[in-house]
C-alpha atoms as a PDB file:
ATOM      1  CA  MET A   1       0.115   0.015   0.025  1.00  0.00           C
ATOM      2  CA  SER A   2       1.207   3.565  -0.734  1.00  0.00           C
ATOM      3  CA  ILE A   3       1.638   5.887   2.433  1.00  0.00           C
ATOM      4  CA  ARG A   4       2.330   9.385   2.722  1.00  0.00           C
ATOM      5  CA  THR A   5       3.043   9.449   6.340  1.00  0.00           C
ATOM      6  CA  LYS A   6       6.885   9.904   6.544  1.00  0.00           C
ATOM      7  CA  THR A   7       7.605   8.587  10.210  1.00  0.00           C
ATOM      8  CA  ILE A   8       6.364   5.173  11.622  1.00  0.00           C
ATOM      9  CA  ALA A   9       7.201   3.119  14.418  1.00  0.00           C
ATOM     10  CA  ILE A  10       6.515  -0.718  15.153  1.00  0.00           C
ATOM     11  CA  GLY A  11       5.007  -1.758  18.400  1.00  0.00           C
ATOM     12  CA  VAL A  12       5.096  -5.637  19.384  1.00  0.00           C
ATOM     13  CA  ASP A  13       3.130  -6.804  22.227  1.00  0.00           C
ATOM     14  CA  LEU A  14       4.516 -10.153  23.465  1.00  0.00           C
ATOM     15  CA  GLY A  15       1.894 -12.266  24.820  1.00  0.00           C
ATOM     16  CA  GLY A  16       2.264 -15.957  26.019  1.00  0.00           C
ATOM     17  CA  THR A  17       0.150 -17.463  23.100  1.00  0.00           C
ATOM     18  CA  ASN A  18       0.278 -14.898  20.300  1.00  0.00           C
ATOM     19  CA  LEU A  19       2.410 -11.765  19.780  1.00  0.00           C
ATOM     20  CA  ARG A  20       0.605  -8.717  18.093  1.00  0.00           C
ATOM     21  CA  ALA A  21       2.827  -6.304  15.741  1.00  0.00           C
ATOM     22  CA  VAL A  22       1.384  -2.984  14.522  1.00  0.00           C
ATOM     23  CA  ALA A  23       2.840  -0.163  12.442  1.00  0.00           C
ATOM     24  CA  ILE A  24       1.618   3.088  13.508  1.00  0.00           C
ATOM     25  CA  ASN A  25       2.262   6.774  12.241  1.00  0.00           C
ATOM     26  CA  ALA A  26       3.124   9.890  14.179  1.00  0.00           C
ATOM     27  CA  ASP A  27      -0.701  10.683  14.625  1.00  0.00           C
ATOM     28  CA  GLY A  28      -1.154   7.161  16.374  1.00  0.00           C
ATOM     29  CA  GLN A  29      -3.136   5.723  13.408  1.00  0.00           C
ATOM     30  CA  ILE A  30      -2.499   1.971  12.807  1.00  0.00           C
ATOM     31  CA  ILE A  31      -1.004   1.526   9.274  1.00  0.00           C
ATOM     32  CA  GLU A  32      -0.775  -2.476   9.445  1.00  0.00           C
ATOM     33  CA  ARG A  33      -1.152  -5.009  11.875  1.00  0.00           C
ATOM     34  CA  ILE A  34      -0.469  -8.689  12.268  1.00  0.00           C
ATOM     35  CA  THR A  35      -0.787 -11.489  14.835  1.00  0.00           C
ATOM     36  CA  TYR A  36       1.928 -14.153  14.877  1.00  0.00           C
ATOM     37  CA  PRO A  37       2.445 -17.406  17.251  1.00  0.00           C
ATOM     38  CA  THR A  38       4.523 -16.809  20.198  1.00  0.00           C
ATOM     39  CA  GLN A  39       5.407 -20.477  20.534  1.00  0.00           C
ATOM     40  CA  ALA A  40       6.477 -19.793  23.912  1.00  0.00           C
ATOM     41  CA  GLN A  41       7.005 -23.341  24.912  1.00  0.00           C
ATOM     42  CA  GLU A  42       9.905 -23.618  22.374  1.00  0.00           C
ATOM     43  CA  GLY A  43      11.930 -21.350  24.420  1.00  0.00           C
ATOM     44  CA  PRO A  44      13.452 -17.863  24.070  1.00  0.00           C
ATOM     45  CA  ASN A  45      15.314 -18.345  21.004  1.00  0.00           C
ATOM     46  CA  VAL A  46      12.254 -19.465  18.940  1.00  0.00           C
ATOM     47  CA  VAL A  47      10.162 -16.637  20.423  1.00  0.00           C
ATOM     48  CA  ILE A  48      12.623 -14.026  19.419  1.00  0.00           C
ATOM     49  CA  LYS A  49      12.758 -15.300  16.124  1.00  0.00           C
ATOM     50  CA  ASN A  50       9.111 -15.152  15.835  1.00  0.00           C
ATOM     51  CA  ILE A  51       9.325 -11.313  17.149  1.00  0.00           C
ATOM     52  CA  VAL A  52      11.627 -10.589  14.375  1.00  0.00           C
ATOM     53  CA  ALA A  53       9.728 -12.389  11.643  1.00  0.00           C
ATOM     54  CA  SER A  54       6.710 -10.502  12.769  1.00  0.00           C
ATOM     55  CA  VAL A  55       8.463  -7.095  12.322  1.00  0.00           C
ATOM     56  CA  ARG A  56       9.702  -8.180   9.034  1.00  0.00           C
ATOM     57  CA  THR A  57       6.484  -9.497   7.711  1.00  0.00           C
ATOM     58  CA  LEU A  58       4.903  -6.031   8.812  1.00  0.00           C
ATOM     59  CA  LEU A  59       7.299  -4.274   6.952  1.00  0.00           C
ATOM     60  CA  ALA A  60       7.039  -6.152   3.883  1.00  0.00           C
ATOM     61  CA  LYS A  61       3.312  -5.176   3.840  1.00  0.00           C
ATOM     62  CA  ILE A  62       4.422  -1.456   3.746  1.00  0.00           C
ATOM     63  CA  ALA A  63       5.629   0.558   0.667  1.00  0.00           C
ATOM     64  CA  LEU A  64       8.814   1.914   2.265  1.00  0.00           C
ATOM     65  CA  GLU A  65       9.364   4.758  -0.173  1.00  0.00           C
ATOM     66  CA  ASP A  66       9.907   8.145   1.676  1.00  0.00           C
ATOM     67  CA  ILE A  67       9.153   6.532   5.051  1.00  0.00           C
ATOM     68  CA  LYS A  68      11.393   6.879   8.198  1.00  0.00           C
ATOM     69  CA  ILE A  69      11.126   3.922  10.588  1.00  0.00           C
ATOM     70  CA  ILE A  70      12.345   5.291  13.782  1.00  0.00           C
ATOM     71  CA  GLY A  71      12.240   2.103  15.775  1.00  0.00           C
ATOM     72  CA  VAL A  72      10.661  -0.842  17.284  1.00  0.00           C
ATOM     73  CA  GLY A  73       8.906  -1.082  20.654  1.00  0.00           C
ATOM     74  CA  ILE A  74       8.386  -4.349  22.503  1.00  0.00           C
ATOM     75  CA  GLY A  75       5.920  -4.724  25.354  1.00  0.00           C
ATOM     76  CA  ALA A  76       6.997  -7.869  27.142  1.00  0.00           C
ATOM     77  CA  PRO A  77       6.116  -9.404  30.429  1.00  0.00           C
ATOM     78  CA  GLY A  78       8.351  -8.609  33.351  1.00  0.00           C
ATOM     79  CA  PRO A  79       9.917  -7.939  35.558  1.00  0.00           C
ATOM     80  CA  LEU A  80      12.362  -6.300  33.227  1.00  0.00           C
ATOM     81  CA  ASN A  81      14.915  -3.314  33.023  1.00  0.00           C
ATOM     82  CA  SER A  82      13.828  -1.034  30.511  1.00  0.00           C
ATOM     83  CA  GLU A  83      17.046   0.943  30.832  1.00  0.00           C
ATOM     84  CA  THR A  84      19.353  -1.978  29.759  1.00  0.00           C
ATOM     85  CA  GLY A  85      16.813  -3.843  27.604  1.00  0.00           C
ATOM     86  CA  VAL A  86      16.943  -7.054  29.943  1.00  0.00           C
ATOM     87  CA  VAL A  87      13.955  -9.205  30.523  1.00  0.00           C
ATOM     88  CA  ILE A  88      14.918 -10.434  34.072  1.00  0.00           C
ATOM     89  CA  LYS A  89      12.196 -13.029  34.398  1.00  0.00           C
ATOM     90  CA  ALA A  90       9.089 -13.665  32.511  1.00  0.00           C
ATOM     91  CA  PRO A  91       6.889 -16.451  34.456  1.00  0.00           C
ATOM     92  CA  ASN A  92       4.723 -17.109  31.567  1.00  0.00           C
ATOM     93  CA  LEU A  93       7.612 -17.657  29.161  1.00  0.00           C
ATOM     94  CA  PRO A  94       9.594 -20.669  29.835  1.00  0.00           C
ATOM     95  CA  GLY A  95      13.411 -20.368  30.048  1.00  0.00           C
ATOM     96  CA  TRP A  96      13.139 -16.450  29.985  1.00  0.00           C
ATOM     97  CA  GLU A  97      15.617 -15.231  32.680  1.00  0.00           C
ATOM     98  CA  ASN A  98      18.142 -12.490  32.002  1.00  0.00           C
ATOM     99  CA  ILE A  99      17.380 -12.256  28.317  1.00  0.00           C
ATOM    100  CA  HIS A 100      18.891  -9.275  26.641  1.00  0.00           C
ATOM    101  CA  LEU A 101      15.998  -8.913  24.460  1.00  0.00           C
ATOM    102  CA  ARG A 102      16.713  -5.310  23.193  1.00  0.00           C
ATOM    103  CA  ASP A 103      20.242  -5.955  22.008  1.00  0.00           C
ATOM    104  CA  ILE A 104      19.259  -9.105  20.308  1.00  0.00           C
ATOM    105  CA  VAL A 105      16.320  -7.988  18.335  1.00  0.00           C
ATOM    106  CA  ALA A 106      18.218  -4.795  17.620  1.00  0.00           C
ATOM    107  CA  LYS A 107      21.189  -6.625  16.025  1.00  0.00           C
ATOM    108  CA  GLU A 108      18.812  -8.673  13.732  1.00  0.00           C
ATOM    109  CA  LEU A 109      16.664  -5.789  12.609  1.00  0.00           C
ATOM    110  CA  GLN A 110      19.285  -3.144  12.480  1.00  0.00           C
ATOM    111  CA  LEU A 111      16.745  -0.679  13.985  1.00  0.00           C
ATOM    112  CA  PRO A 112      16.713   0.978  17.239  1.00  0.00           C
ATOM    113  CA  VAL A 113      14.639  -1.063  19.772  1.00  0.00           C
ATOM    114  CA  ARG A 114      13.119  -0.291  23.157  1.00  0.00           C
ATOM    115  CA  ILE A 115      11.578  -2.790  25.431  1.00  0.00           C
ATOM    116  CA  GLU A 116       9.079  -1.862  28.224  1.00  0.00           C
ATOM    117  CA  ASN A 117       6.588  -3.827  30.609  1.00  0.00           C
ATOM    118  CA  ASP A 118       3.548  -5.012  28.809  1.00  0.00           C
ATOM    119  CA  ALA A 119       1.140  -3.382  31.608  1.00  0.00           C
ATOM    120  CA  ASN A 120       3.096  -0.151  31.052  1.00  0.00           C
ATOM    121  CA  VAL A 121       3.024   0.075  27.339  1.00  0.00           C
ATOM    122  CA  ALA A 122      -0.975  -0.715  27.578  1.00  0.00           C
ATOM    123  CA  ALA A 123      -1.327   2.070  30.254  1.00  0.00           C
ATOM    124  CA  PHE A 124       0.636   4.431  27.965  1.00  0.00           C
ATOM    125  CA  ALA A 125      -1.498   3.658  25.018  1.00  0.00           C
ATOM    126  CA  GLU A 126      -4.404   4.671  26.985  1.00  0.00           C
ATOM    127  CA  TYR A 127      -2.957   7.882  28.034  1.00  0.00           C
ATOM    128  CA  TRP A 128      -1.577   8.740  24.570  1.00  0.00           C
ATOM    129  CA  LYS A 129      -4.742   7.883  22.378  1.00  0.00           C
ATOM    130  CA  GLY A 130      -7.264   6.098  24.519  1.00  0.00           C
ATOM    131  CA  ALA A 131      -9.478   6.923  27.319  1.00  0.00           C
ATOM    132  CA  GLY A 132      -6.931   8.712  29.631  1.00  0.00           C
ATOM    133  CA  GLN A 133      -5.949  11.427  27.010  1.00  0.00           C
ATOM    134  CA  ASN A 134      -5.220  14.923  28.486  1.00  0.00           C
ATOM    135  CA  SER A 135      -4.519  13.465  31.900  1.00  0.00           C
ATOM    136  CA  LYS A 136      -1.795  14.632  34.420  1.00  0.00           C
ATOM    137  CA  VAL A 137      -1.951  11.594  36.412  1.00  0.00           C
ATOM    138  CA  MET A 138      -3.383   8.253  35.141  1.00  0.00           C
ATOM    139  CA  ILE A 139      -3.619   4.502  36.348  1.00  0.00           C
ATOM    140  CA  CYS A 140      -4.453   1.742  34.229  1.00  0.00           C
ATOM    141  CA  LEU A 141      -5.625  -1.706  35.572  1.00  0.00           C
ATOM    142  CA  THR A 142      -5.713  -4.526  33.259  1.00  0.00           C
ATOM    143  CA  LEU A 143      -7.740  -7.379  34.616  1.00  0.00           C
ATOM    144  CA  GLY A 144      -7.238 -10.702  32.742  1.00  0.00           C
ATOM    145  CA  THR A 145      -5.693 -13.802  33.896  1.00  0.00           C
ATOM    146  CA  GLY A 146      -3.820 -11.649  36.388  1.00  0.00           C
ATOM    147  CA  VAL A 147      -4.089  -8.057  37.178  1.00  0.00           C
ATOM    148  CA  GLY A 148      -1.506  -5.886  35.383  1.00  0.00           C
ATOM    149  CA  GLY A 149      -0.948  -2.171  36.109  1.00  0.00           C
ATOM    150  CA  GLY A 150       0.527   1.087  34.855  1.00  0.00           C
ATOM    151  CA  ILE A 151       0.871   4.597  36.060  1.00  0.00           C
ATOM    152  CA  ILE A 152       1.557   7.631  33.932  1.00  0.00           C
ATOM    153  CA  ILE A 153       2.632  10.935  35.420  1.00  0.00           C
ATOM    154  CA  ASP A 154       3.133  13.882  33.243  1.00  0.00           C
ATOM    155  CA  GLY A 155       3.518  11.881  30.240  1.00  0.00           C
ATOM    156  CA  ASN A 156       6.133   9.505  31.792  1.00  0.00           C
ATOM    157  CA  ILE A 157       5.773   5.738  32.643  1.00  0.00           C
ATOM    158  CA  PHE A 158       6.281   5.444  36.467  1.00  0.00           C
ATOM    159  CA  ARG A 159       8.606   2.373  36.960  1.00  0.00           C
ATOM    160  CA  GLY A 160      10.101   2.728  40.336  1.00  0.00           C
ATOM    161  CA  SER A 161      13.783   2.853  41.243  1.00  0.00           C
ATOM    162  CA  HIS A 162      14.814  -0.621  39.967  1.00  0.00           C
ATOM    163  CA  PHE A 163      12.291  -0.615  36.945  1.00  0.00           C
ATOM    164  CA  ILE A 164       9.823  -3.309  38.605  1.00  0.00           C
ATOM    165  CA  GLY A 165       7.328  -0.654  40.322  1.00  0.00           C
ATOM    166  CA  ALA A 166       3.552  -0.418  39.604  1.00  0.00           C
ATOM    167  CA  GLU A 167       2.762  -4.013  40.375  1.00  0.00           C
ATOM    168  CA  LEU A 168      -0.977  -2.748  41.319  1.00  0.00           C
ATOM    169  CA  GLY A 169      -2.411  -6.203  41.121  1.00  0.00           C
ATOM    170  CA  HIS A 170      -0.285  -7.042  44.169  1.00  0.00           C
ATOM    171  CA  ILE A 171      -1.510  -4.466  46.585  1.00  0.00           C
ATOM    172  CA  THR A 172      -3.106  -6.038  49.381  1.00  0.00           C
ATOM    173  CA  ILE A 173      -6.857  -5.782  50.002  1.00  0.00           C
ATOM    174  CA  LYS A 174      -7.379  -8.456  52.579  1.00  0.00           C
ATOM    175  CA  TYR A 175      -4.422  -8.882  55.072  1.00  0.00           C
ATOM    176  CA  ASP A 176      -5.240 -12.703  55.445  1.00  0.00           C
ATOM    177  CA  GLY A 177      -7.223 -13.354  52.131  1.00  0.00           C
ATOM    178  CA  LEU A 178      -6.963 -15.870  49.538  1.00  0.00           C
ATOM    179  CA  ARG A 179      -3.661 -17.001  48.196  1.00  0.00           C
ATOM    180  CA  CYS A 180      -2.413 -15.160  45.171  1.00  0.00           C
ATOM    181  CA  SER A 181      -0.116 -16.431  42.608  1.00  0.00           C
ATOM    182  CA  CYS A 182       2.679 -14.423  43.769  1.00  0.00           C
ATOM    183  CA  GLY A 183       2.745 -16.362  46.996  1.00  0.00           C
ATOM    184  CA  ASN A 184       1.302 -13.703  49.207  1.00  0.00           C
ATOM    185  CA  LYS A 185      -2.203 -13.458  50.838  1.00  0.00           C
ATOM    186  CA  GLY A 186      -5.061 -10.957  49.783  1.00  0.00           C
ATOM    187  CA  CYS A 187      -3.713  -9.473  46.798  1.00  0.00           C
ATOM    188  CA  LEU A 188      -6.236  -7.548  44.399  1.00  0.00           C
ATOM    189  CA  GLU A 189      -5.217 -10.145  41.695  1.00  0.00           C
ATOM    190  CA  ALA A 190      -6.429 -13.088  43.757  1.00  0.00           C
ATOM    191  CA  TYR A 191     -10.071 -11.375  43.682  1.00  0.00           C
ATOM    192  CA  VAL A 192     -10.511  -9.341  40.720  1.00  0.00           C
ATOM    193  CA  SER A 193      -8.713 -11.219  38.045  1.00  0.00           C
ATOM    194  CA  ALA A 194     -10.403 -13.806  35.778  1.00  0.00           C
ATOM    195  CA  THR A 195      -8.649 -16.436  37.775  1.00  0.00           C
ATOM    196  CA  GLY A 196      -9.995 -14.893  41.199  1.00  0.00           C
ATOM    197  CA  ILE A 197     -13.491 -14.791  39.928  1.00  0.00           C
ATOM    198  CA  VAL A 198     -13.539 -18.405  38.834  1.00  0.00           C
ATOM    199  CA  ALA A 199     -11.830 -19.383  42.112  1.00  0.00           C
ATOM    200  CA  ARG A 200     -14.285 -17.460  44.239  1.00  0.00           C
ATOM    201  CA  THR A 201     -17.162 -18.797  42.405  1.00  0.00           C
ATOM    202  CA  ILE A 202     -15.926 -22.436  42.640  1.00  0.00           C
ATOM    203  CA  MET A 203     -15.627 -22.028  46.454  1.00  0.00           C
ATOM    204  CA  ALA A 204     -19.191 -20.818  46.572  1.00  0.00           C
ATOM    205  CA  ILE A 205     -20.499 -23.735  44.521  1.00  0.00           C
ATOM    206  CA  ARG A 206     -18.679 -26.224  46.754  1.00  0.00           C
ATOM    207  CA  SER A 207     -20.015 -24.619  49.848  1.00  0.00           C
ATOM    208  CA  GLY A 208     -23.582 -25.210  48.439  1.00  0.00           C
ATOM    209  CA  ALA A 209     -24.560 -22.545  46.479  1.00  0.00           C
ATOM    210  CA  THR A 210     -27.140 -23.154  43.617  1.00  0.00           C
ATOM    211  CA  THR A 211     -26.384 -21.612  40.459  1.00  0.00           C
ATOM    212  CA  ILE A 212     -27.147 -22.193  36.613  1.00  0.00           C
ATOM    213  CA  LEU A 213     -23.478 -22.460  36.098  1.00  0.00           C
ATOM    214  CA  THR A 214     -23.141 -25.942  36.951  1.00  0.00           C
ATOM    215  CA  ASP A 215     -25.536 -26.890  34.122  1.00  0.00           C
ATOM    216  CA  MET A 216     -23.699 -24.329  31.687  1.00  0.00           C
ATOM    217  CA  VAL A 217     -20.382 -26.390  32.390  1.00  0.00           C
ATOM    218  CA  ASP A 218     -22.027 -29.933  32.709  1.00  0.00           C
ATOM    219  CA  ASN A 219     -20.769 -30.031  36.215  1.00  0.00           C
ATOM    220  CA  ASP A 220     -17.354 -29.929  35.348  1.00  0.00           C
ATOM    221  CA  LEU A 221     -15.890 -26.738  37.301  1.00  0.00           C
ATOM    222  CA  ASN A 222     -12.762 -27.151  35.670  1.00  0.00           C
ATOM    223  CA  THR A 223     -14.108 -25.601  32.367  1.00  0.00           C
ATOM    224  CA  LEU A 224     -15.597 -22.571  34.436  1.00  0.00           C
ATOM    225  CA  THR A 225     -14.479 -19.304  33.000  1.00  0.00           C
ATOM    226  CA  SER A 226     -15.073 -15.555  34.235  1.00  0.00           C
ATOM    227  CA  GLU A 227     -16.993 -14.853  31.156  1.00  0.00           C
ATOM    228  CA  LEU A 228     -19.510 -17.926  31.820  1.00  0.00           C
ATOM    229  CA  VAL A 229     -20.015 -16.213  35.333  1.00  0.00           C
ATOM    230  CA  TYR A 230     -20.701 -13.019  33.690  1.00  0.00           C
ATOM    231  CA  GLN A 231     -22.871 -14.518  31.346  1.00  0.00           C
ATOM    232  CA  ALA A 232     -24.848 -16.249  34.140  1.00  0.00           C
ATOM    233  CA  ALA A 233     -25.196 -12.808  36.013  1.00  0.00           C
ATOM    234  CA  VAL A 234     -26.811 -11.370  32.757  1.00  0.00           C
ATOM    235  CA  ASN A 235     -29.373 -14.420  33.048  1.00  0.00           C
ATOM    236  CA  ASN A 236     -30.224 -13.160  36.616  1.00  0.00           C
ATOM    237  CA  ASP A 237     -28.224 -15.996  38.398  1.00  0.00           C
ATOM    238  CA  SER A 238     -28.101 -14.776  41.937  1.00  0.00           C
ATOM    239  CA  LEU A 239     -24.808 -16.390  42.905  1.00  0.00           C
ATOM    240  CA  ALA A 240     -23.114 -14.855  39.651  1.00  0.00           C
ATOM    241  CA  GLN A 241     -24.586 -11.540  40.315  1.00  0.00           C
ATOM    242  CA  SER A 242     -23.236 -11.728  43.837  1.00  0.00           C
ATOM    243  CA  ILE A 243     -19.655 -12.644  42.562  1.00  0.00           C
ATOM    244  CA  MET A 244     -19.626  -9.845  39.931  1.00  0.00           C
ATOM    245  CA  HIS A 245     -20.947  -7.110  42.358  1.00  0.00           C
ATOM    246  CA  GLU A 246     -18.480  -8.225  44.988  1.00  0.00           C
ATOM    247  CA  THR A 247     -15.510  -8.109  42.172  1.00  0.00           C
ATOM    248  CA  GLY A 248     -16.469  -4.522  41.670  1.00  0.00           C
ATOM    249  CA  THR A 249     -16.608  -3.638  45.272  1.00  0.00           C
ATOM    250  CA  LEU A 250     -13.292  -5.108  45.822  1.00  0.00           C
ATOM    251  CA  LEU A 251     -11.880  -3.404  42.742  1.00  0.00           C
ATOM    252  CA  GLY A 252     -12.906  -0.060  44.287  1.00  0.00           C
ATOM    253  CA  ILE A 253     -11.364  -0.870  47.397  1.00  0.00           C
ATOM    254  CA  GLY A 254      -8.026  -1.395  45.556  1.00  0.00           C
ATOM    255  CA  ILE A 255      -8.536   1.757  43.539  1.00  0.00           C
ATOM    256  CA  THR A 256      -9.461   3.647  46.668  1.00  0.00           C
ATOM    257  CA  SER A 257      -5.939   3.041  47.906  1.00  0.00           C
ATOM    258  CA  LEU A 258      -4.257   4.001  44.632  1.00  0.00           C
ATOM    259  CA  ALA A 259      -6.380   7.163  44.479  1.00  0.00           C
ATOM    260  CA  ASN A 260      -5.443   8.325  47.849  1.00  0.00           C
ATOM    261  CA  ILE A 261      -1.708   7.769  47.159  1.00  0.00           C
ATOM    262  CA  PHE A 262      -1.617   9.133  43.580  1.00  0.00           C
ATOM    263  CA  ASN A 263      -4.749  11.496  43.265  1.00  0.00           C
ATOM    264  CA  PRO A 264      -5.239  10.606  39.420  1.00  0.00           C
ATOM    265  CA  ASP A 265      -7.382  12.082  36.882  1.00  0.00           C
ATOM    266  CA  PHE A 266      -8.387   8.791  35.447  1.00  0.00           C
ATOM    267  CA  VAL A 267      -8.486   5.170  36.529  1.00  0.00           C
ATOM    268  CA  ILE A 268      -8.765   3.168  33.371  1.00  0.00           C
ATOM    269  CA  ILE A 269      -9.958  -0.492  33.528  1.00  0.00           C
ATOM    270  CA  GLY A 270      -9.038  -2.747  30.672  1.00  0.00           C
ATOM    271  CA  GLY A 271      -8.549  -6.478  30.221  1.00  0.00           C
ATOM    272  CA  GLY A 272     -11.057  -9.470  29.401  1.00  0.00           C
ATOM    273  CA  VAL A 273     -12.961  -8.942  32.928  1.00  0.00           C
ATOM    274  CA  SER A 274     -13.533  -5.372  31.940  1.00  0.00           C
ATOM    275  CA  LYS A 275     -15.980  -6.201  29.400  1.00  0.00           C
ATOM    276  CA  ALA A 276     -18.474  -6.794  32.188  1.00  0.00           C
ATOM    277  CA  GLY A 277     -18.779  -2.947  32.164  1.00  0.00           C
ATOM    278  CA  ASP A 278     -20.941  -1.332  34.584  1.00  0.00           C
ATOM    279  CA  MET A 279     -21.745  -4.485  36.476  1.00  0.00           C
ATOM    280  CA  ILE A 280     -18.447  -4.309  37.959  1.00  0.00           C
ATOM    281  CA  LEU A 281     -17.563  -0.460  37.339  1.00  0.00           C
ATOM    282  CA  THR A 282     -20.705   0.822  39.057  1.00  0.00           C
ATOM    283  CA  PRO A 283     -19.897  -0.898  42.317  1.00  0.00           C
ATOM    284  CA  ALA A 284     -16.398  -0.015  42.032  1.00  0.00           C
ATOM    285  CA  ARG A 285     -17.192   3.769  41.683  1.00  0.00           C
ATOM    286  CA  GLN A 286     -19.731   3.542  44.559  1.00  0.00           C
ATOM    287  CA  GLU A 287     -16.891   2.072  46.821  1.00  0.00           C
ATOM    288  CA  VAL A 288     -14.382   4.966  45.890  1.00  0.00           C
ATOM    289  CA  GLN A 289     -16.919   7.413  46.569  1.00  0.00           C
ATOM    290  CA  LYS A 290     -17.384   5.925  50.095  1.00  0.00           C
ATOM    291  CA  ARG A 291     -13.960   5.454  50.917  1.00  0.00           C
ATOM    292  CA  ALA A 292     -11.670   7.930  49.243  1.00  0.00           C
ATOM    293  CA  MET A 293     -10.356  11.067  50.964  1.00  0.00           C
ATOM    294  CA  PRO A 294     -12.483  14.079  50.512  1.00  0.00           C
ATOM    295  CA  GLY A 295     -11.542  15.898  47.200  1.00  0.00           C
ATOM    296  CA  ILE A 296     -10.250  12.961  45.665  1.00  0.00           C
ATOM    297  CA  ALA A 297     -13.210  11.065  44.472  1.00  0.00           C
ATOM    298  CA  GLU A 298     -15.068  14.180  43.147  1.00  0.00           C
ATOM    299  CA  HIS A 299     -12.330  14.482  40.591  1.00  0.00           C
ATOM    300  CA  LEU A 300     -11.706  10.782  39.847  1.00  0.00           C
ATOM    301  CA  LYS A 301     -13.189   9.305  36.704  1.00  0.00           C
ATOM    302  CA  ILE A 302     -13.039   5.445  36.437  1.00  0.00           C
ATOM    303  CA  LEU A 303     -13.669   4.485  32.806  1.00  0.00           C
ATOM    304  CA  PRO A 304     -13.199   1.463  30.579  1.00  0.00           C
ATOM    305  CA  ALA A 305     -10.248   1.048  28.260  1.00  0.00           C
ATOM    306  CA  MET A 306     -10.780   2.050  24.707  1.00  0.00           C
ATOM    307  CA  LEU A 307      -8.119   0.625  22.705  1.00  0.00           C
ATOM    308  CA  GLY A 308      -8.910  -3.456  23.195  1.00  0.00           C
ATOM    309  CA  GLU A 309      -6.319  -5.846  22.201  1.00  0.00           C
ATOM    310  CA  ASP A 310      -4.314  -3.332  20.156  1.00  0.00           C
ATOM    311  CA  ALA A 311      -3.361  -1.459  23.443  1.00  0.00           C
ATOM    312  CA  GLY A 312      -0.001  -3.226  24.050  1.00  0.00           C
ATOM    313  CA  ALA A 313       1.317  -2.904  20.479  1.00  0.00           C
ATOM    314  CA  ILE A 314       0.028   0.777  20.136  1.00  0.00           C
ATOM    315  CA  GLY A 315       2.004   1.702  23.369  1.00  0.00           C
ATOM    316  CA  ALA A 316       4.961  -0.086  22.780  1.00  0.00           C
ATOM    317  CA  ALA A 317       5.190   1.962  19.397  1.00  0.00           C
ATOM    318  CA  GLY A 318       3.851   4.987  21.119  1.00  0.00           C
ATOM    319  CA  ILE A 319       6.679   5.224  23.595  1.00  0.00           C
ATOM    320  CA  ILE A 320       9.127   5.618  20.641  1.00  0.00           C
ATOM    321  CA  LEU A 321       7.010   8.237  18.775  1.00  0.00           C
ATOM    322  CA  TYR A 322       5.932  10.114  21.802  1.00  0.00           C
ATOM    323  CA  ASN A 323       9.498  10.186  22.980  1.00  0.00           C
ATOM    324  CA  GLU A 324      10.895  11.371  19.465  1.00  0.00           C
ATOM    325  CA  THR A 325       8.203  14.056  19.088  1.00  0.00           C
ATOM    326  CA  ALA A 326       7.679  15.383  22.833  1.00  0.00           C
ATOM    327  CA  LYS A 327      11.240  14.578  24.004  1.00  0.00           C
ATOM    328  CA  ILE A 328       9.847  12.861  26.897  1.00  0.00           C
ATOM    329  CA  SER A 329      12.696  11.722  29.487  1.00  0.00           C
ATOM    330  CA  ASP A 330      12.641   8.265  31.021  1.00  0.00           C
END
């Protein structure tokens, strides 16, 4: 295809099953996009080959005349060091420890490369081109299998002193609560993630609660998903409705702590669980209104994310384009 835009960047969102790559222009518009298998079980070398192949395939789809490719951004699971370009450890990618991802990909592609935590780039995308535009302080929570988090302050990603901050899914909301995948008890993630919703629902069913969910899964609770819990709630199942309302309430408790600390303009809620919409957002907002310090809740907007599955890739490219045009310092 013929493109008039002079400057583009490539963004790659590295997931455990698939990686998504987009080419975007300086206005944040997607020029091309592709999805590529990650093949995580094959180890780091294969995954990195797939990253490189996805970028090359994407570039082959674009007419390159008069176009400046300023770099490739990669959103990767962490913890990682965005300054050195090293993935310290990625729990969902077997064998990923101390992988020099930036330097390897840059050498293969002969292009500048930046890596960033995947939750951070999703948050940046919502700040740059999504629901959090024009904010001074914005927090993004991604409710999926786990709970990811990102904080944007004055256009900068907050990373912490050792580049592994903003693990918002692991703030404690119940001091002796459910065991989280991190090993701690009572984390926000243990309750409001898809995994947490399913776990709490199964506990209730095994305690004797009646629900249409048992018929929906043919009595095989191993096949229960958070989406099914949501569907049952839409169909007026009392247990499912209770679980979803509690999810929103607990989310609101977590947001309150973050709001009291950061006083954000927006808290953006993304990820698969966010598709439940007001079923969880309404109780979350109500809880924040009840709990937050005076003057904080009144100015806080809790909104659904806008950019969907493209957010990570858009943000990964965006940190390059935005940095180039606005000269934002890390």
